[in-house]
């Protein structure tokens, strides 16, 4: 089951965040096999999940609110024209004292294109 969560914005819209297995790992293709963090901006939770299912991520469900989007993630998805972005999921097992440079957010097309290639 994917970890995820949501937050409701003042205008009634929602931002849904999900940690999903990488499509390249799912299909056995070469490439990074890490999880990805996907952010979706939509009218409600159901529409956010429908947007992902329409892109080919069929078995996507949101149960609970264990990993809601951070304020930085909400800002990132609100400033993207498609309202649908991803990056590799952060590794929380990093030793103390190691500086980790955060990865940039990417449009969802680049993730799906990499899986189809």
PDB file of N, CA and C in Angstrom:
ATOM      1  N   UNK A   1       0.846  -1.169   0.000  1.00  0.00           N
ATOM      2  CA  UNK A   1       0.000   0.000   0.000  1.00  0.00           C
ATOM      3  C   UNK A   1       0.896   1.238   0.000  1.00  0.00           C
ATOM      4  N   UNK A   2       0.504   2.236  -0.779  1.00  0.00           N
ATOM      5  CA  UNK A   2       1.288   3.450  -0.899  1.00  0.00           C
ATOM      6  C   UNK A   2       0.989   4.390   0.255  1.00  0.00           C
ATOM      7  N   UNK A   3       2.036   5.018   0.775  1.00  0.00           N
ATOM      8  CA  UNK A   3       1.851   6.035   1.800  1.00  0.00           C
ATOM      9  C   UNK A   3       1.410   7.316   1.102  1.00  0.00           C
ATOM     10  N   UNK A   4       0.578   8.064   1.764  1.00  0.00           N
ATOM     11  CA  UNK A   4       0.137   9.299   1.159  1.00  0.00           C
ATOM     12  C   UNK A   4      -0.733  10.094   2.091  1.00  0.00           C
ATOM     13  N   UNK A   5      -1.192  11.198   1.577  1.00  0.00           N
ATOM     14  CA  UNK A   5      -2.054  12.061   2.348  1.00  0.00           C
ATOM     15  C   UNK A   5      -2.538  13.207   1.488  1.00  0.00           C
ATOM     16  N   UNK A   6      -3.267  14.101   2.099  1.00  0.00           N
ATOM     17  CA  UNK A   6      -3.827  15.229   1.373  1.00  0.00           C
ATOM     18  C   UNK A   6      -3.935  16.416   2.312  1.00  0.00           C
ATOM     19  N   UNK A   7      -4.119  17.586   1.723  1.00  0.00           N
ATOM     20  CA  UNK A   7      -4.449  18.769   2.507  1.00  0.00           C
ATOM     21  C   UNK A   7      -5.450  19.583   1.706  1.00  0.00           C
ATOM     22  N   UNK A   8      -6.392  20.151   2.415  1.00  0.00           N
ATOM     23  CA  UNK A   8      -7.416  20.966   1.784  1.00  0.00           C
ATOM     24  C   UNK A   8      -6.973  22.419   1.828  1.00  0.00           C
ATOM     25  N   UNK A   9      -7.073  23.088   0.697  1.00  0.00           N
ATOM     26  CA  UNK A   9      -6.665  24.485   0.584  1.00  0.00           C
ATOM     27  C   UNK A   9      -7.836  25.398   0.943  1.00  0.00           C
ATOM     28  N   UNK A  10      -7.580  26.664   1.255  1.00  0.00           N
ATOM     29  CA  UNK A  10      -8.665  27.583   1.635  1.00  0.00           C
ATOM     30  C   UNK A  10      -9.746  27.753   0.564  1.00  0.00           C
ATOM     31  N   UNK A  11      -9.386  27.568  -0.709  1.00  0.00           N
ATOM     32  CA  UNK A  11     -10.382  27.723  -1.779  1.00  0.00           C
ATOM     33  C   UNK A  11     -11.186  26.454  -2.043  1.00  0.00           C
ATOM     34  N   UNK A  12     -10.987  25.407  -1.231  1.00  0.00           N
ATOM     35  CA  UNK A  12     -11.745  24.172  -1.387  1.00  0.00           C
ATOM     36  C   UNK A  12     -11.033  23.114  -2.210  1.00  0.00           C
ATOM     37  N   UNK A  13      -9.989  23.480  -2.926  1.00  0.00           N
ATOM     38  CA  UNK A  13      -9.221  22.514  -3.710  1.00  0.00           C
ATOM     39  C   UNK A  13      -8.372  21.669  -2.762  1.00  0.00           C
ATOM     40  N   UNK A  14      -7.824  20.561  -3.259  1.00  0.00           N
ATOM     41  CA  UNK A  14      -6.967  19.710  -2.439  1.00  0.00           C
ATOM     42  C   UNK A  14      -5.650  19.455  -3.165  1.00  0.00           C
ATOM     43  N   UNK A  15      -4.634  19.132  -2.383  1.00  0.00           N
ATOM     44  CA  UNK A  15      -3.357  18.659  -2.903  1.00  0.00           C
ATOM     45  C   UNK A  15      -3.169  17.270  -2.306  1.00  0.00           C
ATOM     46  N   UNK A  16      -3.015  16.282  -3.173  1.00  0.00           N
ATOM     47  CA  UNK A  16      -2.825  14.897  -2.757  1.00  0.00           C
ATOM     48  C   UNK A  16      -1.375  14.520  -3.017  1.00  0.00           C
ATOM     49  N   UNK A  17      -0.746  13.898  -2.029  1.00  0.00           N
ATOM     50  CA  UNK A  17       0.637  13.432  -2.149  1.00  0.00           C
ATOM     51  C   UNK A  17       0.654  11.928  -1.936  1.00  0.00           C
ATOM     52  N   UNK A  18       1.329  11.205  -2.829  1.00  0.00           N
ATOM     53  CA  UNK A  18       1.423   9.746  -2.745  1.00  0.00           C
ATOM     54  C   UNK A  18       2.853   9.294  -2.971  1.00  0.00           C
ATOM     55  N   UNK A  19       3.300   8.330  -2.200  1.00  0.00           N
ATOM     56  CA  UNK A  19       4.570   7.644  -2.461  1.00  0.00           C
ATOM     57  C   UNK A  19       4.232   6.359  -3.182  1.00  0.00           C
ATOM     58  N   UNK A  20       4.699   6.243  -4.409  1.00  0.00           N
ATOM     59  CA  UNK A  20       4.379   5.097  -5.260  1.00  0.00           C
ATOM     60  C   UNK A  20       5.652   4.419  -5.733  1.00  0.00           C
ATOM     61  N   UNK A  21       5.569   3.126  -6.049  1.00  0.00           N
ATOM     62  CA  UNK A  21       6.731   2.488  -6.672  1.00  0.00           C
ATOM     63  C   UNK A  21       6.963   3.086  -8.064  1.00  0.00           C
ATOM     64  N   UNK A  22       8.206   3.213  -8.439  1.00  0.00           N
ATOM     65  CA  UNK A  22       8.535   3.761  -9.747  1.00  0.00           C
ATOM     66  C   UNK A  22       7.982   2.867 -10.846  1.00  0.00           C
ATOM     67  N   UNK A  23       7.394   3.453 -11.912  1.00  0.00           N
ATOM     68  CA  UNK A  23       6.898   2.629 -13.019  1.00  0.00           C
ATOM     69  C   UNK A  23       7.988   1.783 -13.666  1.00  0.00           C
ATOM     70  N   UNK A  24       9.239   2.249 -13.663  1.00  0.00           N
ATOM     71  CA  UNK A  24      10.311   1.453 -14.249  1.00  0.00           C
ATOM     72  C   UNK A  24      10.573   0.209 -13.409  1.00  0.00           C
ATOM     73  N   UNK A  25      10.425   0.296 -12.098  1.00  0.00           N
ATOM     74  CA  UNK A  25      10.612  -0.867 -11.234  1.00  0.00           C
ATOM     75  C   UNK A  25       9.464  -1.841 -11.411  1.00  0.00           C
ATOM     76  N   UNK A  26       8.261  -1.313 -11.593  1.00  0.00           N
ATOM     77  CA  UNK A  26       7.072  -2.152 -11.734  1.00  0.00           C
ATOM     78  C   UNK A  26       7.135  -2.991 -13.007  1.00  0.00           C
ATOM     79  N   UNK A  27       7.652  -2.433 -14.082  1.00  0.00           N
ATOM     80  CA  UNK A  27       7.663  -3.133 -15.359  1.00  0.00           C
ATOM     81  C   UNK A  27       8.949  -3.899 -15.609  1.00  0.00           C
ATOM     82  N   UNK A  28       9.868  -3.884 -14.663  1.00  0.00           N
ATOM     83  CA  UNK A  28      11.106  -4.625 -14.826  1.00  0.00           C
ATOM     84  C   UNK A  28      12.082  -3.983 -15.790  1.00  0.00           C
ATOM     85  N   UNK A  29      11.910  -2.708 -16.051  1.00  0.00           N
ATOM     86  CA  UNK A  29      12.800  -2.014 -16.973  1.00  0.00           C
ATOM     87  C   UNK A  29      14.048  -1.548 -16.241  1.00  0.00           C
ATOM     88  N   UNK A  30      15.151  -1.372 -16.951  1.00  0.00           N
ATOM     89  CA  UNK A  30      16.351  -0.859 -16.289  1.00  0.00           C
ATOM     90  C   UNK A  30      16.139   0.583 -15.862  1.00  0.00           C
ATOM     91  N   UNK A  31      16.843   0.969 -14.843  1.00  0.00           N
ATOM     92  CA  UNK A  31      16.723   2.330 -14.331  1.00  0.00           C
ATOM     93  C   UNK A  31      16.549   2.302 -12.833  1.00  0.00           C
ATOM     94  N   UNK A  32      16.410   3.473 -12.229  1.00  0.00           N
ATOM     95  CA  UNK A  32      16.279   3.519 -10.778  1.00  0.00           C
ATOM     96  C   UNK A  32      15.002   2.828 -10.320  1.00  0.00           C
ATOM     97  N   UNK A  33      15.109   2.057  -9.257  1.00  0.00           N
ATOM     98  CA  UNK A  33      13.954   1.312  -8.765  1.00  0.00           C
ATOM     99  C   UNK A  33      13.465   1.880  -7.437  1.00  0.00           C
ATOM    100  N   UNK A  34      13.653   3.163  -7.228  1.00  0.00           N
ATOM    101  CA  UNK A  34      13.220   3.782  -5.993  1.00  0.00           C
ATOM    102  C   UNK A  34      11.759   4.201  -6.089  1.00  0.00           C
ATOM    103  N   UNK A  35      11.205   4.536  -4.956  1.00  0.00           N
ATOM    104  CA  UNK A  35       9.844   5.057  -4.940  1.00  0.00           C
ATOM    105  C   UNK A  35       9.844   6.495  -5.428  1.00  0.00           C
ATOM    106  N   UNK A  36       8.684   6.949  -5.870  1.00  0.00           N
ATOM    107  CA  UNK A  36       8.524   8.324  -6.301  1.00  0.00           C
ATOM    108  C   UNK A  36       7.431   8.981  -5.468  1.00  0.00           C
ATOM    109  N   UNK A  37       7.560  10.271  -5.272  1.00  0.00           N
ATOM    110  CA  UNK A  37       6.553  11.065  -4.554  1.00  0.00           C
ATOM    111  C   UNK A  37       5.809  11.856  -5.613  1.00  0.00           C
ATOM    112  N   UNK A  38       4.505  11.629  -5.716  1.00  0.00           N
ATOM    113  CA  UNK A  38       3.675  12.269  -6.728  1.00  0.00           C
ATOM    114  C   UNK A  38       2.739  13.246  -6.029  1.00  0.00           C
ATOM    115  N   UNK A  39       2.625  14.447  -6.581  1.00  0.00           N
ATOM    116  CA  UNK A  39       1.719  15.468  -6.065  1.00  0.00           C
ATOM    117  C   UNK A  39       0.692  15.815  -7.124  1.00  0.00           C
ATOM    118  N   UNK A  40      -0.577  15.899  -6.707  1.00  0.00           N
ATOM    119  CA  UNK A  40      -1.669  16.205  -7.627  1.00  0.00           C
ATOM    120  C   UNK A  40      -2.514  17.323  -7.026  1.00  0.00           C
ATOM    121  N   UNK A  41      -2.811  18.327  -7.835  1.00  0.00           N
ATOM    122  CA  UNK A  41      -3.693  19.419  -7.441  1.00  0.00           C
ATOM    123  C   UNK A  41      -5.017  19.211  -8.163  1.00  0.00           C
ATOM    124  N   UNK A  42      -6.132  19.132  -7.417  1.00  0.00           N
ATOM    125  CA  UNK A  42      -7.425  18.857  -8.037  1.00  0.00           C
ATOM    126  C   UNK A  42      -8.566  19.430  -7.197  1.00  0.00           C
ATOM    127  N   UNK A  43      -9.793  19.313  -7.734  1.00  0.00           N
ATOM    128  CA  UNK A  43     -10.991  19.786  -7.039  1.00  0.00           C
ATOM    129  C   UNK A  43     -11.225  19.034  -5.737  1.00  0.00           C
ATOM    130  N   UNK A  44     -11.019  17.717  -5.757  1.00  0.00           N
ATOM    131  CA  UNK A  44     -11.215  16.883  -4.569  1.00  0.00           C
ATOM    132  C   UNK A  44     -10.335  15.647  -4.677  1.00  0.00           C
ATOM    133  N   UNK A  45     -10.333  14.815  -3.615  1.00  0.00           N
ATOM    134  CA  UNK A  45      -9.454  13.641  -3.608  1.00  0.00           C
ATOM    135  C   UNK A  45      -9.799  12.658  -4.715  1.00  0.00           C
ATOM    136  N   UNK A  46     -11.065  12.456  -4.965  1.00  0.00           N
ATOM    137  CA  UNK A  46     -11.470  11.509  -6.003  1.00  0.00           C
ATOM    138  C   UNK A  46     -10.965  11.942  -7.377  1.00  0.00           C
ATOM    139  N   UNK A  47     -11.069  13.219  -7.681  1.00  0.00           N
ATOM    140  CA  UNK A  47     -10.591  13.704  -8.982  1.00  0.00           C
ATOM    141  C   UNK A  47      -9.079  13.621  -9.085  1.00  0.00           C
ATOM    142  N   UNK A  48      -8.379  13.831  -7.982  1.00  0.00           N
ATOM    143  CA  UNK A  48      -6.918  13.714  -7.998  1.00  0.00           C
ATOM    144  C   UNK A  48      -6.510  12.284  -8.342  1.00  0.00           C
ATOM    145  N   UNK A  49      -7.160  11.307  -7.719  1.00  0.00           N
ATOM    146  CA  UNK A  49      -6.834   9.911  -8.006  1.00  0.00           C
ATOM    147  C   UNK A  49      -7.258   9.531  -9.418  1.00  0.00           C
ATOM    148  N   UNK A  50      -8.355  10.099  -9.912  1.00  0.00           N
ATOM    149  CA  UNK A  50      -8.786   9.829 -11.287  1.00  0.00           C
ATOM    150  C   UNK A  50      -7.766  10.366 -12.278  1.00  0.00           C
ATOM    151  N   UNK A  51      -7.175  11.521 -11.993  1.00  0.00           N
ATOM    152  CA  UNK A  51      -6.141  12.057 -12.884  1.00  0.00           C
ATOM    153  C   UNK A  51      -4.978  11.082 -13.011  1.00  0.00           C
ATOM    154  N   UNK A  52      -4.571  10.477 -11.899  1.00  0.00           N
ATOM    155  CA  UNK A  52      -3.473   9.507 -11.942  1.00  0.00           C
ATOM    156  C   UNK A  52      -3.890   8.228 -12.666  1.00  0.00           C
ATOM    157  N   UNK A  53      -5.090   7.769 -12.426  1.00  0.00           N
ATOM    158  CA  UNK A  53      -5.565   6.544 -13.094  1.00  0.00           C
ATOM    159  C   UNK A  53      -5.683   6.749 -14.599  1.00  0.00           C
ATOM    160  N   UNK A  54      -6.074   7.935 -15.016  1.00  0.00           N
ATOM    161  CA  UNK A  54      -6.171   8.218 -16.450  1.00  0.00           C
ATOM    162  C   UNK A  54      -4.809   8.233 -17.132  1.00  0.00           C
ATOM    163  N   UNK A  55      -3.753   8.422 -16.364  1.00  0.00           N
ATOM    164  CA  UNK A  55      -2.399   8.406 -16.914  1.00  0.00           C
ATOM    165  C   UNK A  55      -1.799   7.002 -16.946  1.00  0.00           C
ATOM    166  N   UNK A  56      -2.541   6.020 -16.472  1.00  0.00           N
ATOM    167  CA  UNK A  56      -2.060   4.649 -16.517  1.00  0.00           C
ATOM    168  C   UNK A  56      -1.655   4.083 -15.169  1.00  0.00           C
ATOM    169  N   UNK A  57      -1.716   4.858 -14.112  1.00  0.00           N
ATOM    170  CA  UNK A  57      -1.400   4.365 -12.767  1.00  0.00           C
ATOM    171  C   UNK A  57      -2.703   3.848 -12.159  1.00  0.00           C
ATOM    172  N   UNK A  58      -3.095   2.639 -12.542  1.00  0.00           N
ATOM    173  CA  UNK A  58      -4.421   2.117 -12.246  1.00  0.00           C
ATOM    174  C   UNK A  58      -4.676   1.794 -10.779  1.00  0.00           C
ATOM    175  N   UNK A  59      -3.739   1.202 -10.109  1.00  0.00           N
ATOM    176  CA  UNK A  59      -3.976   0.734  -8.741  1.00  0.00           C
ATOM    177  C   UNK A  59      -3.522   1.772  -7.724  1.00  0.00           C
ATOM    178  N   UNK A  60      -4.055   2.979  -7.829  1.00  0.00           N
ATOM    179  CA  UNK A  60      -3.679   4.055  -6.918  1.00  0.00           C
ATOM    180  C   UNK A  60      -4.843   4.326  -5.982  1.00  0.00           C
ATOM    181  N   UNK A  61      -4.587   4.182  -4.691  1.00  0.00           N
ATOM    182  CA  UNK A  61      -5.610   4.432  -3.678  1.00  0.00           C
ATOM    183  C   UNK A  61      -5.017   5.293  -2.581  1.00  0.00           C
ATOM    184  N   UNK A  62      -5.863   6.059  -1.930  1.00  0.00           N
ATOM    185  CA  UNK A  62      -5.449   6.891  -0.811  1.00  0.00           C
ATOM    186  C   UNK A  62      -6.243   6.453   0.410  1.00  0.00           C
ATOM    187  N   UNK A  63      -5.535   5.836   1.346  1.00  0.00           N
ATOM    188  CA  UNK A  63      -6.180   5.396   2.581  1.00  0.00           C
ATOM    189  C   UNK A  63      -5.514   6.108   3.739  1.00  0.00           C
ATOM    190  N   UNK A  64      -6.256   6.971   4.375  1.00  0.00           N
ATOM    191  CA  UNK A  64      -5.706   7.695   5.507  1.00  0.00           C
ATOM    192  C   UNK A  64      -4.969   8.949   5.090  1.00  0.00           C
ATOM    193  N   UNK A  65      -4.307   9.527   6.073  1.00  0.00           N
ATOM    194  CA  UNK A  65      -3.584  10.769   5.851  1.00  0.00           C
ATOM    195  C   UNK A  65      -2.240  10.701   6.569  1.00  0.00           C
ATOM    196  N   UNK A  66      -1.515   9.598   6.363  1.00  0.00           N
ATOM    197  CA  UNK A  66      -0.267   9.347   7.078  1.00  0.00           C
ATOM    198  C   UNK A  66       0.887  10.219   6.597  1.00  0.00           C
ATOM    199  N   UNK A  67       0.905  10.596   5.326  1.00  0.00           N
ATOM    200  CA  UNK A  67       2.012  11.378   4.768  1.00  0.00           C
ATOM    201  C   UNK A  67       1.464  12.539   3.940  1.00  0.00           C
ATOM    202  N   UNK A  68       0.857  13.536   4.609  1.00  0.00           N
ATOM    203  CA  UNK A  68       0.313  14.667   3.849  1.00  0.00           C
ATOM    204  C   UNK A  68       1.423  15.497   3.215  1.00  0.00           C
ATOM    205  N   UNK A  69       1.089  16.300   2.215  1.00  0.00           N
ATOM    206  CA  UNK A  69       2.109  17.134   1.577  1.00  0.00           C
ATOM    207  C   UNK A  69       2.610  18.213   2.531  1.00  0.00           C
ATOM    208  N   UNK A  70       3.892  18.499   2.424  1.00  0.00           N
ATOM    209  CA  UNK A  70       4.489  19.558   3.227  1.00  0.00           C
ATOM    210  C   UNK A  70       4.144  20.910   2.587  1.00  0.00           C
ATOM    211  N   UNK A  71       4.310  22.009   3.313  1.00  0.00           N
ATOM    212  CA  UNK A  71       4.052  23.323   2.701  1.00  0.00           C
ATOM    213  C   UNK A  71       4.900  23.583   1.453  1.00  0.00           C
ATOM    214  N   UNK A  72       6.137  23.110   1.437  1.00  0.00           N
ATOM    215  CA  UNK A  72       6.979  23.279   0.243  1.00  0.00           C
ATOM    216  C   UNK A  72       6.418  22.497  -0.940  1.00  0.00           C
ATOM    217  N   UNK A  73       5.900  21.302  -0.681  1.00  0.00           N
ATOM    218  CA  UNK A  73       5.315  20.493  -1.754  1.00  0.00           C
ATOM    219  C   UNK A  73       4.044  21.148  -2.294  1.00  0.00           C
ATOM    220  N   UNK A  74       3.230  21.703  -1.411  1.00  0.00           N
ATOM    221  CA  UNK A  74       2.013  22.392  -1.851  1.00  0.00           C
ATOM    222  C   UNK A  74       2.381  23.571  -2.742  1.00  0.00           C
ATOM    223  N   UNK A  75       3.364  24.345  -2.345  1.00  0.00           N
ATOM    224  CA  UNK A  75       3.808  25.478  -3.151  1.00  0.00           C
ATOM    225  C   UNK A  75       4.305  25.018  -4.515  1.00  0.00           C
ATOM    226  N   UNK A  76       5.056  23.924  -4.552  1.00  0.00           N
ATOM    227  CA  UNK A  76       5.594  23.419  -5.825  1.00  0.00           C
ATOM    228  C   UNK A  76       4.484  23.027  -6.785  1.00  0.00           C
ATOM    229  N   UNK A  77       3.487  22.295  -6.298  1.00  0.00           N
ATOM    230  CA  UNK A  77       2.429  21.831  -7.199  1.00  0.00           C
ATOM    231  C   UNK A  77       1.514  22.979  -7.614  1.00  0.00           C
ATOM    232  N   UNK A  78       1.313  23.965  -6.758  1.00  0.00           N
ATOM    233  CA  UNK A  78       0.470  25.100  -7.128  1.00  0.00           C
ATOM    234  C   UNK A  78       1.123  25.966  -8.194  1.00  0.00           C
ATOM    235  N   UNK A  79       2.455  25.993  -8.246  1.00  0.00           N
ATOM    236  CA  UNK A  79       3.153  26.808  -9.224  1.00  0.00           C
ATOM    237  C   UNK A  79       3.438  26.065 -10.534  1.00  0.00           C
ATOM    238  N   UNK A  80       3.043  24.816 -10.626  1.00  0.00           N
ATOM    239  CA  UNK A  80       3.252  24.069 -11.866  1.00  0.00           C
ATOM    240  C   UNK A  80       1.988  24.165 -12.719  1.00  0.00           C
ATOM    241  N   UNK A  81       2.114  24.434 -14.017  1.00  0.00           N
ATOM    242  CA  UNK A  81       0.913  24.621 -14.845  1.00  0.00           C
ATOM    243  C   UNK A  81       0.006  23.391 -14.925  1.00  0.00           C
ATOM    244  N   UNK A  82       0.576  22.187 -14.898  1.00  0.00           N
ATOM    245  CA  UNK A  82      -0.247  20.977 -14.992  1.00  0.00           C
ATOM    246  C   UNK A  82      -0.835  20.577 -13.651  1.00  0.00           C
ATOM    247  N   UNK A  83      -0.223  20.993 -12.565  1.00  0.00           N
ATOM    248  CA  UNK A  83      -0.702  20.603 -11.242  1.00  0.00           C
ATOM    249  C   UNK A  83      -0.475  19.130 -10.939  1.00  0.00           C
ATOM    250  N   UNK A  84       0.522  18.530 -11.585  1.00  0.00           N
ATOM    251  CA  UNK A  84       0.816  17.110 -11.422  1.00  0.00           C
ATOM    252  C   UNK A  84       2.323  16.921 -11.594  1.00  0.00           C
ATOM    253  N   UNK A  85       3.034  16.708 -10.482  1.00  0.00           N
ATOM    254  CA  UNK A  85       4.492  16.637 -10.512  1.00  0.00           C
ATOM    255  C   UNK A  85       4.984  15.455  -9.692  1.00  0.00           C
ATOM    256  N   UNK A  86       6.290  15.124  -9.851  1.00  0.00           N
ATOM    257  CA  UNK A  86       6.878  13.997  -9.120  1.00  0.00           C
ATOM    258  C   UNK A  86       8.365  14.232  -8.904  1.00  0.00           C
ATOM    259  N   UNK A  87       8.924  13.491  -7.982  1.00  0.00           N
ATOM    260  CA  UNK A  87      10.371  13.364  -7.781  1.00  0.00           C
ATOM    261  C   UNK A  87      10.588  12.099  -6.960  1.00  0.00           C
ATOM    262  N   UNK A  88      11.830  11.634  -6.901  1.00  0.00           N
ATOM    263  CA  UNK A  88      12.073  10.425  -6.119  1.00  0.00           C
ATOM    264  C   UNK A  88      11.758  10.718  -4.662  1.00  0.00           C
ATOM    265  N   UNK A  89      11.224   9.717  -3.987  1.00  0.00           N
ATOM    266  CA  UNK A  89      10.839   9.885  -2.585  1.00  0.00           C
ATOM    267  C   UNK A  89      12.081  10.098  -1.741  1.00  0.00           C
ATOM    268  N   UNK A  90      12.022  10.996  -0.775  1.00  0.00           N
ATOM    269  CA  UNK A  90      13.199  11.225   0.069  1.00  0.00           C
ATOM    270  C   UNK A  90      13.530   9.998   0.895  1.00  0.00           C
ATOM    271  N   UNK A  91      14.824   9.759   1.072  1.00  0.00           N
ATOM    272  CA  UNK A  91      15.287   8.618   1.859  1.00  0.00           C
ATOM    273  C   UNK A  91      15.473   9.076   3.295  1.00  0.00           C
ATOM    274  N   UNK A  92      14.639   8.568   4.194  1.00  0.00           N
ATOM    275  CA  UNK A  92      14.727   8.971   5.595  1.00  0.00           C
ATOM    276  C   UNK A  92      15.801   8.205   6.347  1.00  0.00           C
ATOM    277  N   UNK A  93      16.501   7.270   5.707  1.00  0.00           N
ATOM    278  CA  UNK A  93      17.549   6.501   6.351  1.00  0.00           C
ATOM    279  C   UNK A  93      18.932   7.108   6.161  1.00  0.00           C
ATOM    280  N   UNK A  94      18.990   8.386   5.837  1.00  0.00           N
ATOM    281  CA  UNK A  94      20.267   9.067   5.624  1.00  0.00           C
ATOM    282  C   UNK A  94      20.936   9.286   6.975  1.00  0.00           C
ATOM    283  N   UNK A  95      22.217   8.952   7.094  1.00  0.00           N
ATOM    284  CA  UNK A  95      22.909   9.161   8.372  1.00  0.00           C
ATOM    285  C   UNK A  95      22.938  10.634   8.782  1.00  0.00           C
ATOM    286  N   UNK A  96      22.985  10.875  10.072  1.00  0.00           N
ATOM    287  CA  UNK A  96      23.022  12.234  10.600  1.00  0.00           C
ATOM    288  C   UNK A  96      24.319  12.901  10.170  1.00  0.00           C
ATOM    289  N   UNK A  97      24.230  14.149   9.784  1.00  0.00           N
ATOM    290  CA  UNK A  97      25.409  14.897   9.390  1.00  0.00           C
ATOM    291  C   UNK A  97      25.662  14.889   7.900  1.00  0.00           C
ATOM    292  N   UNK A  98      24.946  14.060   7.145  1.00  0.00           N
ATOM    293  CA  UNK A  98      25.113  14.012   5.702  1.00  0.00           C
ATOM    294  C   UNK A  98      24.159  15.027   5.080  1.00  0.00           C
ATOM    295  N   UNK A  99      24.697  15.901   4.253  1.00  0.00           N
ATOM    296  CA  UNK A  99      23.881  16.910   3.598  1.00  0.00           C
ATOM    297  C   UNK A  99      23.312  16.310   2.318  1.00  0.00           C
ATOM    298  N   UNK A 100      21.997  16.345   2.193  1.00  0.00           N
ATOM    299  CA  UNK A 100      21.328  15.815   1.015  1.00  0.00           C
ATOM    300  C   UNK A 100      20.743  16.981   0.232  1.00  0.00           C
ATOM    301  N   UNK A 101      21.109  17.084  -1.036  1.00  0.00           N
ATOM    302  CA  UNK A 101      20.577  18.128  -1.897  1.00  0.00           C
ATOM    303  C   UNK A 101      19.226  17.646  -2.422  1.00  0.00           C
ATOM    304  N   UNK A 102      18.157  18.399  -2.169  1.00  0.00           N
ATOM    305  CA  UNK A 102      16.850  17.950  -2.629  1.00  0.00           C
ATOM    306  C   UNK A 102      16.767  17.941  -4.153  1.00  0.00           C
ATOM    307  N   UNK A 103      16.085  16.958  -4.659  1.00  0.00           N
ATOM    308  CA  UNK A 103      15.897  16.818  -6.098  1.00  0.00           C
ATOM    309  C   UNK A 103      14.807  17.784  -6.556  1.00  0.00           C
ATOM    310  N   UNK A 104      14.902  18.244  -7.792  1.00  0.00           N
ATOM    311  CA  UNK A 104      13.903  19.149  -8.339  1.00  0.00           C
ATOM    312  C   UNK A 104      12.643  18.375  -8.723  1.00  0.00           C
ATOM    313  N   UNK A 105      11.518  19.054  -8.684  1.00  0.00           N
ATOM    314  CA  UNK A 105      10.252  18.458  -9.110  1.00  0.00           C
ATOM    315  C   UNK A 105      10.203  18.404 -10.629  1.00  0.00           C
ATOM    316  N   UNK A 106       9.584  17.365 -11.161  1.00  0.00           N
ATOM    317  CA  UNK A 106       9.495  17.177 -12.611  1.00  0.00           C
ATOM    318  C   UNK A 106       8.044  16.969 -13.018  1.00  0.00           C
ATOM    319  N   UNK A 107       7.705  17.305 -14.269  1.00  0.00           N
ATOM    320  CA  UNK A 107       6.340  17.037 -14.736  1.00  0.00           C
ATOM    321  C   UNK A 107       6.112  15.532 -14.869  1.00  0.00           C
ATOM    322  N   UNK A 108       4.888  15.110 -14.699  1.00  0.00           N
ATOM    323  CA  UNK A 108       4.560  13.684 -14.705  1.00  0.00           C
ATOM    324  C   UNK A 108       4.858  13.038 -16.057  1.00  0.00           C
ATOM    325  N   UNK A 109       4.828  13.828 -17.127  1.00  0.00           N
ATOM    326  CA  UNK A 109       5.122  13.270 -18.461  1.00  0.00           C
ATOM    327  C   UNK A 109       6.507  12.651 -18.529  1.00  0.00           C
ATOM    328  N   UNK A 110       7.476  13.242 -17.817  1.00  0.00           N
ATOM    329  CA  UNK A 110       8.833  12.694 -17.865  1.00  0.00           C
ATOM    330  C   UNK A 110       8.912  11.343 -17.173  1.00  0.00           C
ATOM    331  N   UNK A 111       8.109  11.112 -16.152  1.00  0.00           N
ATOM    332  CA  UNK A 111       8.090   9.816 -15.475  1.00  0.00           C
ATOM    333  C   UNK A 111       7.459   8.757 -16.357  1.00  0.00           C
ATOM    334  N   UNK A 112       6.348   9.091 -16.965  1.00  0.00           N
ATOM    335  CA  UNK A 112       5.642   8.120 -17.800  1.00  0.00           C
ATOM    336  C   UNK A 112       6.396   7.857 -19.100  1.00  0.00           C
ATOM    337  N   UNK A 113       7.079   8.867 -19.637  1.00  0.00           N
ATOM    338  CA  UNK A 113       7.874   8.685 -20.839  1.00  0.00           C
ATOM    339  C   UNK A 113       9.045   7.753 -20.567  1.00  0.00           C
ATOM    340  N   UNK A 114       9.661   7.885 -19.385  1.00  0.00           N
ATOM    341  CA  UNK A 114      10.783   7.001 -19.002  1.00  0.00           C
ATOM    342  C   UNK A 114      10.340   5.573 -18.851  1.00  0.00           C
ATOM    343  N   UNK A 115       9.122   5.347 -18.387  1.00  0.00           N
ATOM    344  CA  UNK A 115       8.611   3.987 -18.231  1.00  0.00           C
ATOM    345  C   UNK A 115       8.260   3.366 -19.575  1.00  0.00           C
ATOM    346  N   UNK A 116       7.818   4.201 -20.526  1.00  0.00           N
ATOM    347  CA  UNK A 116       7.425   3.681 -21.833  1.00  0.00           C
ATOM    348  C   UNK A 116       8.618   3.432 -22.738  1.00  0.00           C
ATOM    349  N   UNK A 117       9.738   4.087 -22.470  1.00  0.00           N
ATOM    350  CA  UNK A 117      10.908   3.964 -23.349  1.00  0.00           C
ATOM    351  C   UNK A 117      11.560   2.612 -23.250  1.00  0.00           C
TER     352      UNK A 117
END
